[in-house]
Amino acid sequence: MNKILATTVASLAFIGAAYAAEVQGTVQSVDPATRSITLDDGKTYVIPETIKVDGLAAGAKVKVTVDDTTGAVTAIEAAS
């Protein structure tokens, strides 16, 4: 029974992780009015209210995590 439960939990963890994409790039522009950023690949991402955009500026290298099923940004952080 414990083996089945452990396998199920592990499978669910992998399924959840499969729906998140990470995009790295350099910020080309930030629009605080629309809470959006545009990366050097030309793609624009709208940042939800739950994520702070105060420290974002053009030229910053970032990693954006996007939910594959909804296209919503779930996290943004500095990239190395």
N, C-alpha and C. Protein backbone atom coordinates (compact mmCIF):
# COMPACT_ATOMS: atom_id res chain seq x y z
N MET A 1 0.83 -1.20 0.00
CA MET A 1 0.00 0.00 0.00
C MET A 1 0.87 1.25 0.00
N ASN A 2 1.91 1.27 0.84
CA ASN A 2 2.80 2.43 0.89
C ASN A 2 3.52 2.64 -0.42
N LYS A 3 3.86 1.53 -1.10
CA LYS A 3 4.55 1.62 -2.38
C LYS A 3 3.65 2.27 -3.43
N ILE A 4 2.38 1.91 -3.44
CA ILE A 4 1.43 2.49 -4.39
C ILE A 4 1.23 3.97 -4.11
N LEU A 5 1.10 4.33 -2.85
CA LEU A 5 0.93 5.73 -2.48
C LEU A 5 2.15 6.55 -2.87
N ALA A 6 3.33 6.04 -2.62
CA ALA A 6 4.56 6.75 -2.96
C ALA A 6 4.69 6.94 -4.47
N THR A 7 4.34 5.91 -5.23
CA THR A 7 4.38 6.00 -6.69
C THR A 7 3.39 7.03 -7.21
N THR A 8 2.21 7.05 -6.64
CA THR A 8 1.18 8.01 -7.05
C THR A 8 1.63 9.44 -6.77
N VAL A 9 2.15 9.68 -5.59
CA VAL A 9 2.62 11.03 -5.23
C VAL A 9 3.75 11.47 -6.15
N ALA A 10 4.69 10.59 -6.42
CA ALA A 10 5.80 10.92 -7.31
C ALA A 10 5.31 11.23 -8.71
N SER A 11 4.35 10.45 -9.19
CA SER A 11 3.79 10.68 -10.52
C SER A 11 3.09 12.03 -10.60
N LEU A 12 2.34 12.37 -9.59
CA LEU A 12 1.64 13.66 -9.59
C LEU A 12 2.63 14.82 -9.56
N ALA A 13 3.73 14.67 -8.86
CA ALA A 13 4.75 15.72 -8.83
C ALA A 13 5.33 15.95 -10.21
N PHE A 14 5.61 14.86 -10.93
CA PHE A 14 6.14 15.01 -12.28
C PHE A 14 5.12 15.59 -13.23
N ILE A 15 3.87 15.24 -13.10
CA ILE A 15 2.82 15.79 -13.95
C ILE A 15 2.71 17.30 -13.74
N GLY A 16 2.74 17.74 -12.49
CA GLY A 16 2.67 19.17 -12.19
C GLY A 16 3.84 19.92 -12.77
N ALA A 17 5.01 19.36 -12.71
CA ALA A 17 6.21 20.01 -13.23
C ALA A 17 6.20 20.05 -14.76
N ALA A 18 5.53 19.12 -15.38
CA ALA A 18 5.51 19.08 -16.83
C ALA A 18 4.73 20.23 -17.45
N TYR A 19 3.91 20.89 -16.69
CA TYR A 19 3.09 21.97 -17.22
C TYR A 19 3.71 23.35 -17.01
N ALA A 20 4.96 23.42 -16.61
CA ALA A 20 5.62 24.70 -16.40
C ALA A 20 6.80 24.81 -17.36
N ALA A 21 6.86 25.92 -18.06
CA ALA A 21 7.97 26.18 -18.97
C ALA A 21 8.80 27.33 -18.41
N GLU A 22 10.09 27.23 -18.56
CA GLU A 22 10.98 28.31 -18.14
C GLU A 22 11.59 28.96 -19.36
N VAL A 23 11.51 30.28 -19.40
CA VAL A 23 12.06 31.05 -20.50
C VAL A 23 13.09 32.00 -19.92
N GLN A 24 14.29 32.00 -20.49
CA GLN A 24 15.32 32.93 -20.04
C GLN A 24 15.58 33.94 -21.13
N GLY A 25 15.86 35.16 -20.71
CA GLY A 25 16.16 36.20 -21.68
C GLY A 25 16.53 37.50 -21.00
N THR A 26 16.79 38.49 -21.83
CA THR A 26 17.12 39.83 -21.35
C THR A 26 15.92 40.73 -21.56
N VAL A 27 15.57 41.48 -20.54
CA VAL A 27 14.42 42.38 -20.61
C VAL A 27 14.75 43.52 -21.58
N GLN A 28 13.91 43.69 -22.57
CA GLN A 28 14.06 44.80 -23.52
C GLN A 28 13.27 46.01 -23.07
N SER A 29 12.07 45.76 -22.49
CA SER A 29 11.26 46.88 -22.00
C SER A 29 10.33 46.40 -20.90
N VAL A 30 9.96 47.36 -20.06
CA VAL A 30 9.03 47.10 -18.96
C VAL A 30 7.95 48.15 -19.04
N ASP A 31 6.68 47.73 -18.98
CA ASP A 31 5.55 48.66 -18.98
C ASP A 31 4.80 48.48 -17.67
N PRO A 32 5.07 49.36 -16.67
CA PRO A 32 4.41 49.22 -15.38
C PRO A 32 2.89 49.39 -15.45
N ALA A 33 2.41 50.17 -16.42
CA ALA A 33 0.98 50.41 -16.54
C ALA A 33 0.22 49.13 -16.88
N THR A 34 0.80 48.32 -17.76
CA THR A 34 0.14 47.07 -18.15
C THR A 34 0.74 45.87 -17.45
N ARG A 35 1.76 46.11 -16.61
CA ARG A 35 2.46 45.07 -15.88
C ARG A 35 3.01 44.02 -16.85
N SER A 36 3.62 44.48 -17.93
CA SER A 36 4.17 43.56 -18.92
C SER A 36 5.65 43.83 -19.15
N ILE A 37 6.35 42.77 -19.54
CA ILE A 37 7.74 42.89 -19.93
C ILE A 37 7.90 42.26 -21.30
N THR A 38 8.84 42.79 -22.06
CA THR A 38 9.18 42.22 -23.36
C THR A 38 10.63 41.76 -23.29
N LEU A 39 10.86 40.52 -23.69
CA LEU A 39 12.21 39.97 -23.68
C LEU A 39 12.88 40.15 -25.03
N ASP A 40 14.17 39.85 -25.08
CA ASP A 40 14.94 40.04 -26.30
C ASP A 40 14.51 39.14 -27.45
N ASP A 41 13.69 38.13 -27.18
CA ASP A 41 13.17 37.28 -28.26
C ASP A 41 11.89 37.86 -28.87
N GLY A 42 11.45 39.02 -28.33
CA GLY A 42 10.26 39.69 -28.85
C GLY A 42 8.97 39.31 -28.17
N LYS A 43 9.00 38.31 -27.30
CA LYS A 43 7.78 37.87 -26.62
C LYS A 43 7.49 38.77 -25.43
N THR A 44 6.21 39.05 -25.24
CA THR A 44 5.75 39.90 -24.14
C THR A 44 5.00 39.04 -23.14
N TYR A 45 5.28 39.26 -21.87
CA TYR A 45 4.64 38.51 -20.79
C TYR A 45 3.97 39.49 -19.84
N VAL A 46 2.72 39.18 -19.48
CA VAL A 46 2.00 39.98 -18.50
C VAL A 46 2.26 39.37 -17.13
N ILE A 47 2.73 40.20 -16.21
CA ILE A 47 3.10 39.74 -14.87
C ILE A 47 1.90 39.95 -13.94
N PRO A 48 1.45 38.91 -13.26
CA PRO A 48 0.30 39.04 -12.35
C PRO A 48 0.61 39.94 -11.15
N GLU A 49 -0.44 40.43 -10.52
CA GLU A 49 -0.32 41.32 -9.36
C GLU A 49 0.46 40.68 -8.22
N THR A 50 0.48 39.37 -8.14
CA THR A 50 1.14 38.68 -7.03
C THR A 50 2.67 38.71 -7.15
N ILE A 51 3.19 39.11 -8.30
CA ILE A 51 4.63 39.15 -8.53
C ILE A 51 5.06 40.61 -8.66
N LYS A 52 6.09 41.01 -7.91
CA LYS A 52 6.57 42.39 -7.95
C LYS A 52 7.37 42.64 -9.23
N VAL A 53 7.13 43.80 -9.85
CA VAL A 53 7.87 44.19 -11.04
C VAL A 53 8.70 45.44 -10.80
N ASP A 54 8.74 45.92 -9.56
CA ASP A 54 9.44 47.16 -9.24
C ASP A 54 10.92 47.11 -9.61
N GLY A 55 11.57 46.00 -9.40
CA GLY A 55 13.01 45.91 -9.64
C GLY A 55 13.38 45.56 -11.07
N LEU A 56 12.41 45.33 -11.93
CA LEU A 56 12.71 44.96 -13.30
C LEU A 56 13.06 46.19 -14.13
N ALA A 57 14.11 46.06 -14.94
CA ALA A 57 14.53 47.15 -15.81
C ALA A 57 15.11 46.56 -17.09
N ALA A 58 15.10 47.37 -18.14
CA ALA A 58 15.68 46.93 -19.41
C ALA A 58 17.14 46.53 -19.18
N GLY A 59 17.54 45.43 -19.78
CA GLY A 59 18.89 44.93 -19.65
C GLY A 59 19.05 43.84 -18.60
N ALA A 60 18.05 43.68 -17.75
CA ALA A 60 18.13 42.64 -16.71
C ALA A 60 17.94 41.27 -17.34
N LYS A 61 18.73 40.31 -16.87
CA LYS A 61 18.58 38.92 -17.32
C LYS A 61 17.63 38.24 -16.35
N VAL A 62 16.58 37.62 -16.91
CA VAL A 62 15.54 37.03 -16.08
C VAL A 62 15.20 35.62 -16.55
N LYS A 63 14.58 34.87 -15.63
CA LYS A 63 14.01 33.56 -15.93
C LYS A 63 12.53 33.68 -15.61
N VAL A 64 11.68 33.47 -16.60
CA VAL A 64 10.24 33.57 -16.45
C VAL A 64 9.66 32.16 -16.48
N THR A 65 8.86 31.82 -15.47
CA THR A 65 8.19 30.53 -15.44
C THR A 65 6.75 30.75 -15.87
N VAL A 66 6.32 29.98 -16.87
CA VAL A 66 5.00 30.14 -17.46
C VAL A 66 4.24 28.82 -17.37
N ASP A 67 2.98 28.89 -16.96
CA ASP A 67 2.11 27.71 -16.92
C ASP A 67 1.73 27.37 -18.36
N ASP A 68 2.13 26.20 -18.82
CA ASP A 68 1.86 25.80 -20.20
C ASP A 68 0.38 25.70 -20.53
N THR A 69 -0.43 25.37 -19.56
CA THR A 69 -1.84 25.17 -19.85
C THR A 69 -2.60 26.49 -19.96
N THR A 70 -2.19 27.50 -19.20
CA THR A 70 -2.92 28.77 -19.21
C THR A 70 -2.13 29.91 -19.85
N GLY A 71 -0.82 29.75 -19.95
CA GLY A 71 0.02 30.81 -20.48
C GLY A 71 0.32 31.89 -19.45
N ALA A 72 -0.12 31.70 -18.22
CA ALA A 72 0.08 32.69 -17.16
C ALA A 72 1.48 32.59 -16.58
N VAL A 73 2.06 33.75 -16.28
CA VAL A 73 3.36 33.80 -15.62
C VAL A 73 3.15 33.42 -14.17
N THR A 74 3.94 32.45 -13.69
CA THR A 74 3.81 32.02 -12.30
C THR A 74 4.99 32.47 -11.44
N ALA A 75 6.12 32.84 -12.09
CA ALA A 75 7.28 33.32 -11.35
C ALA A 75 8.22 34.05 -12.30
N ILE A 76 8.96 34.97 -11.73
CA ILE A 76 10.02 35.65 -12.48
C ILE A 76 11.16 35.90 -11.51
N GLU A 77 12.37 35.59 -11.95
CA GLU A 77 13.53 35.77 -11.08
C GLU A 77 14.74 36.13 -11.91
N ALA A 78 15.75 36.64 -11.23
CA ALA A 78 17.00 36.98 -11.91
C ALA A 78 17.67 35.73 -12.42
N ALA A 79 18.23 35.82 -13.61
CA ALA A 79 18.95 34.69 -14.21
C ALA A 79 20.43 35.02 -14.20
N SER A 80 21.24 33.99 -14.21
CA SER A 80 22.69 34.21 -14.21
C SER A 80 23.25 34.27 -15.61
